[in-house]
Amino acid sequence: YLGDLTDHGSDLIGHKEESPLQDYSRGNTQPPENESS
């Protein structure tokens, strides 16, 4: 879960990319069909 549940994508991080958690911090999250984990 390191890439998903750390501070990745938050205001504290200078690494920027397209990823679900970074999309979340940008307010771009959409309802997933499934979220098994």
PDB file of all heavy atoms in Angstrom:
ATOM      1  N   TYR A   1       0.820  -1.213   0.000  1.00  0.00           N
ATOM      2  CA  TYR A   1       0.000   0.000   0.000  1.00  0.00           C
ATOM      3  C   TYR A   1       0.859   1.271   0.000  1.00  0.00           C
ATOM      4  O   TYR A   1       0.328   2.370   0.058  1.00  0.00           O
ATOM      5  CB  TYR A   1      -0.898   0.038   1.236  1.00  0.00           C
ATOM      6  CG  TYR A   1      -2.039  -0.960   1.222  1.00  0.00           C
ATOM      7  CD1 TYR A   1      -1.838  -2.276   1.582  1.00  0.00           C
ATOM      8  CD2 TYR A   1      -3.323  -0.572   0.851  1.00  0.00           C
ATOM      9  CE1 TYR A   1      -2.877  -3.206   1.572  1.00  0.00           C
ATOM     10  CE2 TYR A   1      -4.373  -1.479   0.841  1.00  0.00           C
ATOM     11  CZ  TYR A   1      -4.145  -2.787   1.201  1.00  0.00           C
ATOM     12  OH  TYR A   1      -5.180  -3.699   1.203  1.00  0.00           O
ATOM     13  N   LEU A   2       2.184   1.117  -0.087  1.00  0.00           N
ATOM     14  CA  LEU A   2       3.080   2.266   0.063  1.00  0.00           C
ATOM     15  C   LEU A   2       2.741   3.397  -0.896  1.00  0.00           C
ATOM     16  O   LEU A   2       2.689   4.565  -0.524  1.00  0.00           O
ATOM     17  CB  LEU A   2       4.531   1.837  -0.131  1.00  0.00           C
ATOM     18  CG  LEU A   2       5.580   2.939  -0.015  1.00  0.00           C
ATOM     19  CD1 LEU A   2       5.623   3.488   1.399  1.00  0.00           C
ATOM     20  CD2 LEU A   2       6.964   2.415  -0.417  1.00  0.00           C
ATOM     21  N   GLY A   3       2.487   3.062  -2.165  1.00  0.00           N
ATOM     22  CA  GLY A   3       2.212   4.101  -3.139  1.00  0.00           C
ATOM     23  C   GLY A   3       0.830   4.710  -3.028  1.00  0.00           C
ATOM     24  O   GLY A   3       0.558   5.763  -3.599  1.00  0.00           O
ATOM     25  N   ASP A   4      -0.072   4.049  -2.280  1.00  0.00           N
ATOM     26  CA  ASP A   4      -1.459   4.488  -2.213  1.00  0.00           C
ATOM     27  C   ASP A   4      -1.832   5.177  -0.906  1.00  0.00           C
ATOM     28  O   ASP A   4      -2.741   6.012  -0.887  1.00  0.00           O
ATOM     29  CB  ASP A   4      -2.401   3.293  -2.406  1.00  0.00           C
ATOM     30  CG  ASP A   4      -2.340   2.733  -3.812  1.00  0.00           C
ATOM     31  OD1 ASP A   4      -1.925   3.472  -4.719  1.00  0.00           O
ATOM     32  OD2 ASP A   4      -2.695   1.567  -3.999  1.00  0.00           O
ATOM     33  N   LEU A   5      -1.163   4.841   0.170  1.00  0.00           N
ATOM     34  CA  LEU A   5      -1.609   5.329   1.474  1.00  0.00           C
ATOM     35  C   LEU A   5      -0.574   6.170   2.208  1.00  0.00           C
ATOM     36  O   LEU A   5      -0.750   6.487   3.370  1.00  0.00           O
ATOM     37  CB  LEU A   5      -2.032   4.140   2.356  1.00  0.00           C
ATOM     38  CG  LEU A   5      -3.266   3.384   1.870  1.00  0.00           C
ATOM     39  CD1 LEU A   5      -3.546   2.198   2.785  1.00  0.00           C
ATOM     40  CD2 LEU A   5      -4.483   4.289   1.823  1.00  0.00           C
ATOM     41  N   THR A   6       0.505   6.525   1.547  1.00  0.00           N
ATOM     42  CA  THR A   6       1.435   7.470   2.157  1.00  0.00           C
ATOM     43  C   THR A   6       0.964   8.881   1.820  1.00  0.00           C
ATOM     44  O   THR A   6      -0.174   9.095   1.449  1.00  0.00           O
ATOM     45  CB  THR A   6       2.853   7.225   1.623  1.00  0.00           C
ATOM     46  OG1 THR A   6       2.825   7.346   0.193  1.00  0.00           O
ATOM     47  CG2 THR A   6       3.355   5.834   1.991  1.00  0.00           C
ATOM     48  N   ASP A   7       1.851   9.851   1.907  1.00  0.00           N
ATOM     49  CA  ASP A   7       1.492  11.229   1.580  1.00  0.00           C
ATOM     50  C   ASP A   7       1.604  11.496   0.081  1.00  0.00           C
ATOM     51  O   ASP A   7       1.534  12.657  -0.351  1.00  0.00           O
ATOM     52  CB  ASP A   7       2.397  12.213   2.332  1.00  0.00           C
ATOM     53  CG  ASP A   7       2.207  12.132   3.840  1.00  0.00           C
ATOM     54  OD1 ASP A   7       1.129  11.688   4.262  1.00  0.00           O
ATOM     55  OD2 ASP A   7       3.129  12.506   4.575  1.00  0.00           O
ATOM     56  N   HIS A   8       1.787  10.461  -0.703  1.00  0.00           N
ATOM     57  CA  HIS A   8       1.963  10.611  -2.151  1.00  0.00           C
ATOM     58  C   HIS A   8       0.824  11.418  -2.758  1.00  0.00           C
ATOM     59  O   HIS A   8      -0.345  11.155  -2.512  1.00  0.00           O
ATOM     60  CB  HIS A   8       2.022   9.224  -2.801  1.00  0.00           C
ATOM     61  CG  HIS A   8       2.170   9.246  -4.281  1.00  0.00           C
ATOM     62  ND1 HIS A   8       3.207   9.891  -4.903  1.00  0.00           N
ATOM     63  CD2 HIS A   8       1.416   8.715  -5.269  1.00  0.00           C
ATOM     64  CE1 HIS A   8       3.091   9.750  -6.199  1.00  0.00           C
ATOM     65  NE2 HIS A   8       2.008   9.041  -6.454  1.00  0.00           N
ATOM     66  N   GLY A   9       1.200  12.442  -3.538  1.00  0.00           N
ATOM     67  CA  GLY A   9       0.193  13.272  -4.180  1.00  0.00           C
ATOM     68  C   GLY A   9      -0.299  14.435  -3.345  1.00  0.00           C
ATOM     69  O   GLY A   9      -1.048  15.277  -3.843  1.00  0.00           O
ATOM     70  N   SER A  10       0.105  14.500  -2.084  1.00  0.00           N
ATOM     71  CA  SER A  10      -0.395  15.570  -1.216  1.00  0.00           C
ATOM     72  C   SER A  10       0.396  16.854  -1.441  1.00  0.00           C
ATOM     73  O   SER A  10       1.306  16.930  -2.273  1.00  0.00           O
ATOM     74  CB  SER A  10      -0.303  15.153   0.253  1.00  0.00           C
ATOM     75  OG  SER A  10       1.038  15.248   0.720  1.00  0.00           O
ATOM     76  N   ASP A  11       0.080  17.853  -0.658  1.00  0.00           N
ATOM     77  CA  ASP A  11       0.783  19.134  -0.738  1.00  0.00           C
ATOM     78  C   ASP A  11       2.230  19.038  -0.292  1.00  0.00           C
ATOM     79  O   ASP A  11       3.009  19.966  -0.524  1.00  0.00           O
ATOM     80  CB  ASP A  11       0.049  20.179   0.098  1.00  0.00           C
ATOM     81  CG  ASP A  11      -0.140  19.739   1.551  1.00  0.00           C
ATOM     82  OD1 ASP A  11      -0.352  18.529   1.797  1.00  0.00           O
ATOM     83  OD2 ASP A  11      -0.092  20.604   2.452  1.00  0.00           O
ATOM     84  N   LEU A  12       2.612  17.928   0.323  1.00  0.00           N
ATOM     85  CA  LEU A  12       3.973  17.762   0.825  1.00  0.00           C
ATOM     86  C   LEU A  12       4.912  17.135  -0.198  1.00  0.00           C
ATOM     87  O   LEU A  12       6.117  17.070   0.035  1.00  0.00           O
ATOM     88  CB  LEU A  12       3.964  16.883   2.079  1.00  0.00           C
ATOM     89  CG  LEU A  12       3.034  17.304   3.217  1.00  0.00           C
ATOM     90  CD1 LEU A  12       3.166  16.340   4.382  1.00  0.00           C
ATOM     91  CD2 LEU A  12       3.315  18.735   3.658  1.00  0.00           C
ATOM     92  N   ILE A  13       4.374  16.671  -1.321  1.00  0.00           N
ATOM     93  CA  ILE A  13       5.151  15.870  -2.270  1.00  0.00           C
ATOM     94  C   ILE A  13       5.431  16.670  -3.545  1.00  0.00           C
ATOM     95  O   ILE A  13       4.542  17.295  -4.116  1.00  0.00           O
ATOM     96  CB  ILE A  13       4.396  14.572  -2.616  1.00  0.00           C
ATOM     97  CG1 ILE A  13       4.162  13.749  -1.349  1.00  0.00           C
ATOM     98  CG2 ILE A  13       5.166  13.758  -3.651  1.00  0.00           C
ATOM     99  CD1 ILE A  13       5.431  13.297  -0.644  1.00  0.00           C
ATOM    100  N   GLY A  14       6.687  16.612  -3.990  1.00  0.00           N
ATOM    101  CA  GLY A  14       7.095  17.315  -5.196  1.00  0.00           C
ATOM    102  C   GLY A  14       7.167  16.447  -6.419  1.00  0.00           C
ATOM    103  O   GLY A  14       7.485  16.929  -7.505  1.00  0.00           O
ATOM    104  N   HIS A  15       6.889  15.167  -6.286  1.00  0.00           N
ATOM    105  CA  HIS A  15       6.855  14.262  -7.441  1.00  0.00           C
ATOM    106  C   HIS A  15       5.441  14.247  -8.002  1.00  0.00           C
ATOM    107  O   HIS A  15       4.491  13.926  -7.292  1.00  0.00           O
ATOM    108  CB  HIS A  15       7.265  12.854  -7.020  1.00  0.00           C
ATOM    109  CG  HIS A  15       7.115  11.828  -8.109  1.00  0.00           C
ATOM    110  ND1 HIS A  15       7.967  11.763  -9.180  1.00  0.00           N
ATOM    111  CD2 HIS A  15       6.213  10.844  -8.283  1.00  0.00           C
ATOM    112  CE1 HIS A  15       7.599  10.776  -9.974  1.00  0.00           C
ATOM    113  NE2 HIS A  15       6.537  10.201  -9.454  1.00  0.00           N
ATOM    114  N   LYS A  16       5.303  14.587  -9.257  1.00  0.00           N
ATOM    115  CA  LYS A  16       3.983  14.687  -9.864  1.00  0.00           C
ATOM    116  C   LYS A  16       3.848  13.704 -11.021  1.00  0.00           C
ATOM    117  O   LYS A  16       4.754  13.553 -11.837  1.00  0.00           O
ATOM    118  CB  LYS A  16       3.733  16.109 -10.373  1.00  0.00           C
ATOM    119  CG  LYS A  16       3.737  17.141  -9.251  1.00  0.00           C
ATOM    120  CD  LYS A  16       2.607  16.877  -8.273  1.00  0.00           C
ATOM    121  CE  LYS A  16       2.911  17.402  -6.898  1.00  0.00           C
ATOM    122  NZ  LYS A  16       1.896  17.025  -5.913  1.00  0.00           N
ATOM    123  N   GLU A  17       2.702  13.034 -11.074  1.00  0.00           N
ATOM    124  CA  GLU A  17       2.427  12.060 -12.123  1.00  0.00           C
ATOM    125  C   GLU A  17       0.920  11.850 -12.186  1.00  0.00           C
ATOM    126  O   GLU A  17       0.167  12.376 -11.383  1.00  0.00           O
ATOM    127  CB  GLU A  17       3.129  10.738 -11.820  1.00  0.00           C
ATOM    128  CG  GLU A  17       2.618  10.067 -10.546  1.00  0.00           C
ATOM    129  CD  GLU A  17       3.336   8.773 -10.206  1.00  0.00           C
ATOM    130  OE1 GLU A  17       4.275   8.421 -10.925  1.00  0.00           O
ATOM    131  OE2 GLU A  17       2.947   8.132  -9.234  1.00  0.00           O
ATOM    132  N   GLU A  18       0.518  11.070 -13.154  1.00  0.00           N
ATOM    133  CA  GLU A  18      -0.882  10.670 -13.234  1.00  0.00           C
ATOM    134  C   GLU A  18      -1.055   9.378 -12.441  1.00  0.00           C
ATOM    135  O   GLU A  18      -0.469   8.353 -12.772  1.00  0.00           O
ATOM    136  CB  GLU A  18      -1.297  10.458 -14.691  1.00  0.00           C
ATOM    137  CG  GLU A  18      -1.206  11.722 -15.535  1.00  0.00           C
ATOM    138  CD  GLU A  18      -2.044  12.861 -14.976  1.00  0.00           C
ATOM    139  OE1 GLU A  18      -3.178  12.607 -14.519  1.00  0.00           O
ATOM    140  OE2 GLU A  18      -1.555  14.008 -14.983  1.00  0.00           O
ATOM    141  N   SER A  19      -1.815   9.428 -11.380  1.00  0.00           N
ATOM    142  CA  SER A  19      -2.055   8.250 -10.550  1.00  0.00           C
ATOM    143  C   SER A  19      -3.347   8.468  -9.785  1.00  0.00           C
ATOM    144  O   SER A  19      -3.777   9.612  -9.588  1.00  0.00           O
ATOM    145  CB  SER A  19      -0.901   8.020  -9.563  1.00  0.00           C
ATOM    146  OG  SER A  19      -0.894   9.009  -8.551  1.00  0.00           O
ATOM    147  N   PRO A  20      -4.005   7.402  -9.318  1.00  0.00           N
ATOM    148  CA  PRO A  20      -5.270   7.566  -8.592  1.00  0.00           C
ATOM    149  C   PRO A  20      -5.165   8.472  -7.375  1.00  0.00           C
ATOM    150  O   PRO A  20      -6.055   9.298  -7.139  1.00  0.00           O
ATOM    151  CB  PRO A  20      -5.637   6.128  -8.206  1.00  0.00           C
ATOM    152  CG  PRO A  20      -4.994   5.286  -9.265  1.00  0.00           C
ATOM    153  CD  PRO A  20      -3.695   5.979  -9.580  1.00  0.00           C
ATOM    154  N   LEU A  21      -4.085   8.335  -6.603  1.00  0.00           N
ATOM    155  CA  LEU A  21      -3.985   9.153  -5.400  1.00  0.00           C
ATOM    156  C   LEU A  21      -3.704  10.612  -5.752  1.00  0.00           C
ATOM    157  O   LEU A  21      -4.214  11.532  -5.103  1.00  0.00           O
ATOM    158  CB  LEU A  21      -2.897   8.617  -4.465  1.00  0.00           C
ATOM    159  CG  LEU A  21      -2.956   9.171  -3.040  1.00  0.00           C
ATOM    160  CD1 LEU A  21      -4.308   8.904  -2.400  1.00  0.00           C
ATOM    161  CD2 LEU A  21      -1.848   8.586  -2.175  1.00  0.00           C
ATOM    162  N   GLN A  22      -2.902  10.849  -6.788  1.00  0.00           N
ATOM    163  CA  GLN A  22      -2.683  12.231  -7.200  1.00  0.00           C
ATOM    164  C   GLN A  22      -3.960  12.817  -7.792  1.00  0.00           C
ATOM    165  O   GLN A  22      -4.262  13.997  -7.589  1.00  0.00           O
ATOM    166  CB  GLN A  22      -1.526  12.296  -8.196  1.00  0.00           C
ATOM    167  CG  GLN A  22      -0.199  11.890  -7.570  1.00  0.00           C
ATOM    168  CD  GLN A  22       0.928  12.851  -7.861  1.00  0.00           C
ATOM    169  OE1 GLN A  22       0.814  13.736  -8.699  1.00  0.00           O
ATOM    170  NE2 GLN A  22       2.021  12.702  -7.151  1.00  0.00           N
ATOM    171  N   ASP A  23      -4.710  12.009  -8.524  1.00  0.00           N
ATOM    172  CA  ASP A  23      -6.011  12.485  -9.008  1.00  0.00           C
ATOM    173  C   ASP A  23      -6.924  12.837  -7.836  1.00  0.00           C
ATOM    174  O   ASP A  23      -7.680  13.818  -7.889  1.00  0.00           O
ATOM    175  CB  ASP A  23      -6.682  11.417  -9.881  1.00  0.00           C
ATOM    176  CG  ASP A  23      -6.086  11.366 -11.278  1.00  0.00           C
ATOM    177  OD1 ASP A  23      -5.428  12.340 -11.682  1.00  0.00           O
ATOM    178  OD2 ASP A  23      -6.284  10.345 -11.959  1.00  0.00           O
ATOM    179  N   TYR A  24      -6.845  12.041  -6.766  1.00  0.00           N
ATOM    180  CA  TYR A  24      -7.660  12.331  -5.582  1.00  0.00           C
ATOM    181  C   TYR A  24      -7.310  13.701  -5.007  1.00  0.00           C
ATOM    182  O   TYR A  24      -8.194  14.510  -4.702  1.00  0.00           O
ATOM    183  CB  TYR A  24      -7.452  11.254  -4.527  1.00  0.00           C
ATOM    184  CG  TYR A  24      -8.139  11.553  -3.213  1.00  0.00           C
ATOM    185  CD1 TYR A  24      -9.528  11.539  -3.113  1.00  0.00           C
ATOM    186  CD2 TYR A  24      -7.403  11.860  -2.073  1.00  0.00           C
ATOM    187  CE1 TYR A  24     -10.169  11.835  -1.913  1.00  0.00           C
ATOM    188  CE2 TYR A  24      -8.030  12.146  -0.874  1.00  0.00           C
ATOM    189  CZ  TYR A  24      -9.413  12.141  -0.798  1.00  0.00           C
ATOM    190  OH  TYR A  24     -10.039  12.433   0.388  1.00  0.00           O
ATOM    191  N   SER A  25      -6.014  13.993  -4.885  1.00  0.00           N
ATOM    192  CA  SER A  25      -5.604  15.274  -4.307  1.00  0.00           C
ATOM    193  C   SER A  25      -5.981  16.443  -5.206  1.00  0.00           C
ATOM    194  O   SER A  25      -6.067  17.584  -4.752  1.00  0.00           O
ATOM    195  CB  SER A  25      -4.092  15.281  -4.039  1.00  0.00           C
ATOM    196  OG  SER A  25      -3.354  15.363  -5.239  1.00  0.00           O
ATOM    197  N   ARG A  26      -6.200  16.163  -6.490  1.00  0.00           N
ATOM    198  CA  ARG A  26      -6.630  17.204  -7.429  1.00  0.00           C
ATOM    199  C   ARG A  26      -8.149  17.320  -7.491  1.00  0.00           C
ATOM    200  O   ARG A  26      -8.687  18.142  -8.230  1.00  0.00           O
ATOM    201  CB  ARG A  26      -6.096  16.886  -8.824  1.00  0.00           C
ATOM    202  CG  ARG A  26      -4.579  16.852  -8.930  1.00  0.00           C
ATOM    203  CD  ARG A  26      -4.125  16.307 -10.274  1.00  0.00           C
ATOM    204  NE  ARG A  26      -2.678  16.172 -10.310  1.00  0.00           N
ATOM    205  CZ  ARG A  26      -2.037  15.095 -10.768  1.00  0.00           C
ATOM    206  NH1 ARG A  26      -2.724  14.058 -11.242  1.00  0.00           N
ATOM    207  NH2 ARG A  26      -0.728  15.044 -10.771  1.00  0.00           N
ATOM    208  N   GLY A  27      -8.863  16.462  -6.757  1.00  0.00           N
ATOM    209  CA  GLY A  27     -10.314  16.483  -6.776  1.00  0.00           C
ATOM    210  C   GLY A  27     -10.905  15.806  -7.992  1.00  0.00           C
ATOM    211  O   GLY A  27     -12.054  16.095  -8.360  1.00  0.00           O
ATOM    212  N   ASN A  28     -10.135  14.886  -8.599  1.00  0.00           N
ATOM    213  CA  ASN A  28     -10.583  14.259  -9.845  1.00  0.00           C
ATOM    214  C   ASN A  28     -11.093  12.828  -9.673  1.00  0.00           C
ATOM    215  O   ASN A  28     -11.274  12.118 -10.657  1.00  0.00           O
ATOM    216  CB  ASN A  28      -9.430  14.233 -10.859  1.00  0.00           C
ATOM    217  CG  ASN A  28      -9.055  15.628 -11.323  1.00  0.00           C
ATOM    218  OD1 ASN A  28      -9.865  16.543 -11.254  1.00  0.00           O
ATOM    219  ND2 ASN A  28      -7.820  15.793 -11.770  1.00  0.00           N
ATOM    220  N   THR A  29     -11.338  12.390  -8.452  1.00  0.00           N
ATOM    221  CA  THR A  29     -11.750  11.014  -8.205  1.00  0.00           C
ATOM    222  C   THR A  29     -13.175  10.767  -8.713  1.00  0.00           C
ATOM    223  O   THR A  29     -14.085  11.559  -8.466  1.00  0.00           O
ATOM    224  CB  THR A  29     -11.683  10.698  -6.706  1.00  0.00           C
ATOM    225  OG1 THR A  29     -10.324  10.858  -6.270  1.00  0.00           O
ATOM    226  CG2 THR A  29     -12.129   9.269  -6.425  1.00  0.00           C
ATOM    227  N   GLN A  30     -13.364   9.667  -9.415  1.00  0.00           N
ATOM    228  CA  GLN A  30     -14.670   9.239  -9.888  1.00  0.00           C
ATOM    229  C   GLN A  30     -15.028   7.898  -9.252  1.00  0.00           C
ATOM    230  O   GLN A  30     -14.134   7.119  -8.904  1.00  0.00           O
ATOM    231  CB  GLN A  30     -14.679   9.099 -11.412  1.00  0.00           C
ATOM    232  CG  GLN A  30     -14.374  10.395 -12.150  1.00  0.00           C
ATOM    233  CD  GLN A  30     -15.398  11.473 -11.859  1.00  0.00           C
ATOM    234  OE1 GLN A  30     -16.601  11.204 -11.807  1.00  0.00           O
ATOM    235  NE2 GLN A  30     -14.928  12.705 -11.657  1.00  0.00           N
ATOM    236  N   PRO A  31     -16.311   7.599  -9.073  1.00  0.00           N
ATOM    237  CA  PRO A  31     -16.694   6.328  -8.447  1.00  0.00           C
ATOM    238  C   PRO A  31     -16.169   5.140  -9.250  1.00  0.00           C
ATOM    239  O   PRO A  31     -16.436   5.040 -10.461  1.00  0.00           O
ATOM    240  CB  PRO A  31     -18.225   6.369  -8.467  1.00  0.00           C
ATOM    241  CG  PRO A  31     -18.567   7.829  -8.531  1.00  0.00           C
ATOM    242  CD  PRO A  31     -17.482   8.451  -9.366  1.00  0.00           C
ATOM    243  N   PRO A  32     -15.421   4.234  -8.619  1.00  0.00           N
ATOM    244  CA  PRO A  32     -14.943   3.043  -9.313  1.00  0.00           C
ATOM    245  C   PRO A  32     -16.044   1.988  -9.359  1.00  0.00           C
ATOM    246  O   PRO A  32     -16.958   1.993  -8.522  1.00  0.00           O
ATOM    247  CB  PRO A  32     -13.787   2.576  -8.444  1.00  0.00           C
ATOM    248  CG  PRO A  32     -14.218   2.968  -7.055  1.00  0.00           C
ATOM    249  CD  PRO A  32     -14.961   4.280  -7.226  1.00  0.00           C
ATOM    250  N   GLU A  33     -15.954   1.079 -10.307  1.00  0.00           N
ATOM    251  CA  GLU A  33     -16.923  -0.017 -10.318  1.00  0.00           C
ATOM    252  C   GLU A  33     -16.652  -0.964  -9.161  1.00  0.00           C
ATOM    253  O   GLU A  33     -17.569  -1.380  -8.451  1.00  0.00           O
ATOM    254  CB  GLU A  33     -16.850  -0.773 -11.646  1.00  0.00           C
ATOM    255  CG  GLU A  33     -17.847  -1.933 -11.703  1.00  0.00           C
ATOM    256  CD  GLU A  33     -17.810  -2.677 -13.029  1.00  0.00           C
ATOM    257  OE1 GLU A  33     -17.002  -2.306 -13.906  1.00  0.00           O
ATOM    258  OE2 GLU A  33     -18.590  -3.645 -13.181  1.00  0.00           O
ATOM    259  N   ASN A  34     -15.395  -1.306  -8.979  1.00  0.00           N
ATOM    260  CA  ASN A  34     -14.991  -2.185  -7.878  1.00  0.00           C
ATOM    261  C   ASN A  34     -13.773  -1.591  -7.196  1.00  0.00           C
ATOM    262  O   ASN A  34     -12.986  -0.860  -7.804  1.00  0.00           O
ATOM    263  CB  ASN A  34     -14.658  -3.591  -8.385  1.00  0.00           C
ATOM    264  CG  ASN A  34     -15.874  -4.327  -8.902  1.00  0.00           C
ATOM    265  OD1 ASN A  34     -16.775  -4.660  -8.143  1.00  0.00           O
ATOM    266  ND2 ASN A  34     -15.918  -4.553 -10.216  1.00  0.00           N
ATOM    267  N   GLU A  35     -13.603  -1.906  -5.939  1.00  0.00           N
ATOM    268  CA  GLU A  35     -12.434  -1.475  -5.191  1.00  0.00           C
ATOM    269  C   GLU A  35     -12.088  -2.582  -4.200  1.00  0.00           C
ATOM    270  O   GLU A  35     -12.273  -2.460  -2.994  1.00  0.00           O
ATOM    271  CB  GLU A  35     -12.710  -0.145  -4.464  1.00  0.00           C
ATOM    272  CG  GLU A  35     -11.497   0.731  -4.414  1.00  0.00           C
ATOM    273  CD  GLU A  35     -11.797   2.125  -3.911  1.00  0.00           C
ATOM    274  OE1 GLU A  35     -12.714   2.296  -3.105  1.00  0.00           O
ATOM    275  OE2 GLU A  35     -11.078   3.052  -4.316  1.00  0.00           O
ATOM    276  N   SER A  36     -11.574  -3.668  -4.742  1.00  0.00           N
ATOM    277  CA  SER A  36     -11.398  -4.886  -3.944  1.00  0.00           C
ATOM    278  C   SER A  36     -10.516  -4.654  -2.730  1.00  0.00           C
ATOM    279  O   SER A  36     -10.848  -5.055  -1.611  1.00  0.00           O
ATOM    280  CB  SER A  36     -10.806  -5.994  -4.821  1.00  0.00           C
ATOM    281  OG  SER A  36     -11.698  -6.345  -5.840  1.00  0.00           O
ATOM    282  N   SER A  37      -9.358  -4.005  -2.929  1.00  0.00           N
ATOM    283  CA  SER A  37      -8.411  -3.855  -1.823  1.00  0.00           C
ATOM    284  C   SER A  37      -8.946  -2.990  -0.705  1.00  0.00           C
ATOM    285  O   SER A  37      -8.536  -3.128   0.447  1.00  0.00           O
ATOM    286  CB  SER A  37      -7.094  -3.265  -2.341  1.00  0.00           C
ATOM    287  OG  SER A  37      -6.479  -4.124  -3.260  1.00  0.00           O
TER     288      SER A  37
END
